[in-house]
Amino acid sequence: MSISSVTYIEFLQGANLRQKKKANDFLGAFDHLRIDPSVCDIAIDLIDKHSQYDGLRLADALIAATCLENDLDLLTLNRRHFEKISALRLI
């Protein structure tokens, strides 16, 4: 299973000092998908199409772009952040 760099960062951001070691151990079990130029290009396109009317923000655009670039499904509890992106497969 894989995790985007942005998701990795958001997960760590939400962990308190006591949770950091467990968080890093948990995240280490995933393939870490880094942001590259093609992900950035897709994210730019997504922001252009979805930020004003659908409320898509930078972090979610980068997460979605990572999934699109790597032909991956996106597992999320925040479906409304991503549901307007028709090419994205949500779980």
N, C-alpha and C. Protein backbone atom coordinates (compact mmCIF):
# COMPACT_ATOMS: atom_id res chain seq x y z
N MET A 1 0.85 -1.18 0.00
CA MET A 1 0.00 0.00 0.00
C MET A 1 0.89 1.24 0.00
N SER A 2 0.32 2.32 -0.50
CA SER A 2 1.09 3.55 -0.68
C SER A 2 0.43 4.71 0.04
N ILE A 3 1.25 5.72 0.32
CA ILE A 3 0.77 6.95 0.95
C ILE A 3 1.50 8.13 0.30
N SER A 4 0.75 9.18 0.05
CA SER A 4 1.37 10.37 -0.56
C SER A 4 2.19 11.13 0.47
N SER A 5 3.15 11.90 -0.01
CA SER A 5 3.95 12.74 0.89
C SER A 5 3.08 13.69 1.70
N VAL A 6 2.06 14.21 1.05
CA VAL A 6 1.18 15.18 1.73
C VAL A 6 0.39 14.50 2.85
N THR A 7 -0.13 13.31 2.59
CA THR A 7 -0.85 12.57 3.62
C THR A 7 0.08 12.24 4.77
N TYR A 8 1.30 11.84 4.46
CA TYR A 8 2.31 11.54 5.47
C TYR A 8 2.52 12.76 6.37
N ILE A 9 2.70 13.91 5.75
CA ILE A 9 2.93 15.15 6.49
C ILE A 9 1.72 15.53 7.33
N GLU A 10 0.52 15.42 6.74
CA GLU A 10 -0.69 15.75 7.48
C GLU A 10 -0.87 14.83 8.68
N PHE A 11 -0.56 13.56 8.51
CA PHE A 11 -0.67 12.59 9.61
C PHE A 11 0.26 12.98 10.75
N LEU A 12 1.51 13.29 10.43
CA LEU A 12 2.47 13.70 11.46
C LEU A 12 2.07 15.02 12.11
N GLN A 13 1.52 15.92 11.34
CA GLN A 13 1.09 17.21 11.86
C GLN A 13 0.01 17.04 12.92
N GLY A 14 -0.83 16.03 12.76
CA GLY A 14 -1.91 15.79 13.71
C GLY A 14 -1.50 15.01 14.94
N ALA A 15 -0.30 14.47 14.95
CA ALA A 15 0.17 13.67 16.09
C ALA A 15 0.82 14.57 17.14
N ASN A 16 0.49 14.28 18.40
CA ASN A 16 1.17 15.03 19.47
C ASN A 16 2.53 14.39 19.75
N LEU A 17 3.29 14.97 20.67
CA LEU A 17 4.64 14.49 20.93
C LEU A 17 4.67 13.03 21.35
N ARG A 18 3.70 12.58 22.13
CA ARG A 18 3.66 11.19 22.58
C ARG A 18 3.33 10.24 21.43
N GLN A 19 2.64 10.72 20.44
CA GLN A 19 2.20 9.87 19.33
C GLN A 19 3.19 9.81 18.17
N LYS A 20 4.20 10.67 18.16
CA LYS A 20 5.09 10.80 17.00
C LYS A 20 5.79 9.48 16.65
N LYS A 21 6.34 8.77 17.62
CA LYS A 21 7.05 7.52 17.33
C LYS A 21 6.10 6.50 16.72
N LYS A 22 4.93 6.33 17.32
CA LYS A 22 3.95 5.39 16.77
C LYS A 22 3.52 5.81 15.38
N ALA A 23 3.34 7.11 15.19
CA ALA A 23 2.94 7.62 13.87
C ALA A 23 4.00 7.30 12.83
N ASN A 24 5.26 7.56 13.14
CA ASN A 24 6.34 7.27 12.19
C ASN A 24 6.46 5.78 11.92
N ASP A 25 6.30 4.95 12.95
CA ASP A 25 6.35 3.50 12.76
C ASP A 25 5.21 3.05 11.84
N PHE A 26 4.02 3.57 12.07
CA PHE A 26 2.87 3.22 11.24
C PHE A 26 3.09 3.66 9.79
N LEU A 27 3.52 4.89 9.60
CA LEU A 27 3.71 5.42 8.25
C LEU A 27 4.83 4.70 7.51
N GLY A 28 5.80 4.19 8.25
CA GLY A 28 6.91 3.46 7.64
C GLY A 28 6.50 2.18 6.94
N ALA A 29 5.31 1.70 7.23
CA ALA A 29 4.82 0.47 6.60
C ALA A 29 4.31 0.70 5.17
N PHE A 30 4.19 1.94 4.77
CA PHE A 30 3.65 2.28 3.45
C PHE A 30 4.77 2.66 2.49
N ASP A 31 4.54 2.41 1.19
CA ASP A 31 5.40 2.99 0.16
C ASP A 31 5.11 4.48 0.15
N HIS A 32 6.15 5.27 0.17
CA HIS A 32 6.02 6.72 0.27
C HIS A 32 6.12 7.33 -1.14
N LEU A 33 5.00 7.87 -1.63
CA LEU A 33 4.95 8.47 -2.96
C LEU A 33 5.25 9.97 -2.87
N ARG A 34 6.39 10.34 -3.37
CA ARG A 34 6.84 11.73 -3.27
C ARG A 34 6.22 12.58 -4.39
N ILE A 35 6.20 13.86 -4.13
CA ILE A 35 5.70 14.81 -5.11
C ILE A 35 6.77 15.01 -6.17
N ASP A 36 6.39 14.83 -7.43
CA ASP A 36 7.32 15.05 -8.53
C ASP A 36 6.69 16.04 -9.51
N PRO A 37 7.42 16.44 -10.55
CA PRO A 37 6.86 17.45 -11.47
C PRO A 37 5.53 17.06 -12.11
N SER A 38 5.34 15.78 -12.43
CA SER A 38 4.07 15.39 -13.06
C SER A 38 2.91 15.50 -12.08
N VAL A 39 3.15 15.17 -10.81
CA VAL A 39 2.12 15.35 -9.78
C VAL A 39 1.79 16.83 -9.64
N CYS A 40 2.81 17.66 -9.66
CA CYS A 40 2.59 19.12 -9.56
C CYS A 40 1.75 19.62 -10.74
N ASP A 41 2.04 19.15 -11.93
CA ASP A 41 1.27 19.58 -13.11
C ASP A 41 -0.19 19.19 -12.98
N ILE A 42 -0.45 17.97 -12.52
CA ILE A 42 -1.83 17.53 -12.33
C ILE A 42 -2.51 18.35 -11.25
N ALA A 43 -1.80 18.61 -10.15
CA ALA A 43 -2.37 19.40 -9.05
C ALA A 43 -2.71 20.82 -9.52
N ILE A 44 -1.87 21.40 -10.33
CA ILE A 44 -2.14 22.74 -10.87
C ILE A 44 -3.43 22.72 -11.68
N ASP A 45 -3.58 21.71 -12.51
CA ASP A 45 -4.80 21.58 -13.32
C ASP A 45 -6.03 21.40 -12.41
N LEU A 46 -5.90 20.58 -11.38
CA LEU A 46 -7.03 20.36 -10.46
C LEU A 46 -7.41 21.65 -9.73
N ILE A 47 -6.43 22.39 -9.27
CA ILE A 47 -6.70 23.66 -8.59
C ILE A 47 -7.38 24.63 -9.55
N ASP A 48 -6.89 24.67 -10.78
CA ASP A 48 -7.48 25.56 -11.78
C ASP A 48 -8.95 25.22 -12.01
N LYS A 49 -9.29 23.94 -12.04
CA LYS A 49 -10.66 23.51 -12.33
C LYS A 49 -11.57 23.49 -11.11
N HIS A 50 -11.02 23.23 -9.92
CA HIS A 50 -11.88 22.91 -8.78
C HIS A 50 -11.74 23.81 -7.55
N SER A 51 -10.81 24.72 -7.54
CA SER A 51 -10.62 25.49 -6.29
C SER A 51 -11.73 26.51 -6.05
N GLN A 52 -12.11 27.24 -7.05
CA GLN A 52 -13.08 28.33 -6.84
C GLN A 52 -14.48 27.82 -6.54
N TYR A 53 -14.96 26.86 -7.31
CA TYR A 53 -16.34 26.43 -7.17
C TYR A 53 -16.52 25.22 -6.25
N ASP A 54 -15.52 24.36 -6.21
CA ASP A 54 -15.63 23.14 -5.43
C ASP A 54 -14.85 23.19 -4.12
N GLY A 55 -14.07 24.24 -3.92
CA GLY A 55 -13.34 24.43 -2.66
C GLY A 55 -12.10 23.56 -2.50
N LEU A 56 -11.57 23.00 -3.59
CA LEU A 56 -10.37 22.17 -3.51
C LEU A 56 -9.20 23.01 -3.05
N ARG A 57 -8.46 22.52 -2.08
CA ARG A 57 -7.29 23.22 -1.54
C ARG A 57 -6.01 22.48 -1.91
N LEU A 58 -4.89 23.13 -1.66
CA LEU A 58 -3.59 22.64 -2.10
C LEU A 58 -3.30 21.21 -1.65
N ALA A 59 -3.42 20.92 -0.37
CA ALA A 59 -3.07 19.58 0.12
C ALA A 59 -3.91 18.51 -0.56
N ASP A 60 -5.21 18.74 -0.64
CA ASP A 60 -6.09 17.75 -1.27
C ASP A 60 -5.81 17.62 -2.77
N ALA A 61 -5.46 18.71 -3.42
CA ALA A 61 -5.10 18.65 -4.84
C ALA A 61 -3.85 17.80 -5.04
N LEU A 62 -2.87 17.95 -4.17
CA LEU A 62 -1.65 17.16 -4.28
C LEU A 62 -1.90 15.68 -3.99
N ILE A 63 -2.76 15.39 -3.02
CA ILE A 63 -3.12 14.00 -2.72
C ILE A 63 -3.84 13.38 -3.91
N ALA A 64 -4.82 14.09 -4.45
CA ALA A 64 -5.56 13.58 -5.60
C ALA A 64 -4.63 13.40 -6.80
N ALA A 65 -3.77 14.36 -7.03
CA ALA A 65 -2.84 14.28 -8.17
C ALA A 65 -1.90 13.09 -8.03
N THR A 66 -1.46 12.80 -6.83
CA THR A 66 -0.60 11.64 -6.58
C THR A 66 -1.33 10.35 -6.96
N CYS A 67 -2.60 10.26 -6.57
CA CYS A 67 -3.39 9.07 -6.92
C CYS A 67 -3.59 8.98 -8.43
N LEU A 68 -3.92 10.08 -9.06
CA LEU A 68 -4.14 10.07 -10.50
C LEU A 68 -2.87 9.70 -11.26
N GLU A 69 -1.76 10.26 -10.88
CA GLU A 69 -0.49 9.99 -11.55
C GLU A 69 -0.07 8.53 -11.41
N ASN A 70 -0.37 7.93 -10.27
CA ASN A 70 0.05 6.56 -9.99
C ASN A 70 -1.05 5.53 -10.21
N ASP A 71 -2.18 5.96 -10.78
CA ASP A 71 -3.34 5.11 -11.06
C ASP A 71 -3.77 4.33 -9.82
N LEU A 72 -3.96 5.07 -8.73
CA LEU A 72 -4.35 4.48 -7.44
C LEU A 72 -5.73 4.95 -7.02
N ASP A 73 -6.42 4.11 -6.27
CA ASP A 73 -7.66 4.52 -5.62
C ASP A 73 -7.31 5.36 -4.41
N LEU A 74 -8.23 6.24 -4.02
CA LEU A 74 -8.02 7.08 -2.84
C LEU A 74 -8.96 6.64 -1.73
N LEU A 75 -8.38 6.22 -0.62
CA LEU A 75 -9.14 5.87 0.57
C LEU A 75 -9.21 7.12 1.43
N THR A 76 -10.43 7.62 1.69
CA THR A 76 -10.61 8.85 2.44
C THR A 76 -11.91 8.84 3.22
N LEU A 77 -11.91 9.52 4.33
CA LEU A 77 -13.14 9.75 5.09
C LEU A 77 -13.77 11.08 4.69
N ASN A 78 -13.05 11.86 3.90
CA ASN A 78 -13.52 13.19 3.46
C ASN A 78 -13.86 13.16 1.98
N ARG A 79 -14.84 12.35 1.63
CA ARG A 79 -15.22 12.19 0.23
C ARG A 79 -15.59 13.51 -0.44
N ARG A 80 -16.22 14.41 0.31
CA ARG A 80 -16.67 15.66 -0.31
C ARG A 80 -15.50 16.52 -0.78
N HIS A 81 -14.31 16.31 -0.21
CA HIS A 81 -13.14 17.07 -0.66
C HIS A 81 -12.72 16.65 -2.07
N PHE A 82 -13.10 15.42 -2.47
CA PHE A 82 -12.57 14.85 -3.70
C PHE A 82 -13.62 14.44 -4.72
N GLU A 83 -14.88 14.42 -4.35
CA GLU A 83 -15.91 13.82 -5.21
C GLU A 83 -16.14 14.54 -6.53
N LYS A 84 -15.75 15.77 -6.66
CA LYS A 84 -15.94 16.51 -7.92
C LYS A 84 -14.85 16.19 -8.96
N ILE A 85 -13.83 15.45 -8.56
CA ILE A 85 -12.75 15.08 -9.47
C ILE A 85 -13.16 13.76 -10.12
N SER A 86 -13.72 13.85 -11.30
CA SER A 86 -14.36 12.69 -11.94
C SER A 86 -13.39 11.54 -12.22
N ALA A 87 -12.15 11.81 -12.54
CA ALA A 87 -11.22 10.74 -12.88
C ALA A 87 -10.69 10.01 -11.65
N LEU A 88 -10.93 10.55 -10.48
CA LEU A 88 -10.40 9.97 -9.24
C LEU A 88 -11.32 8.88 -8.73
N ARG A 89 -10.75 7.72 -8.41
CA ARG A 89 -11.52 6.60 -7.87
C ARG A 89 -11.45 6.64 -6.34
N LEU A 90 -12.61 6.84 -5.72
CA LEU A 90 -12.70 6.93 -4.25
C LEU A 90 -13.13 5.62 -3.65
N ILE A 91 -12.55 5.31 -2.51
CA ILE A 91 -12.96 4.13 -1.73
C ILE A 91 -13.58 4.65 -0.45
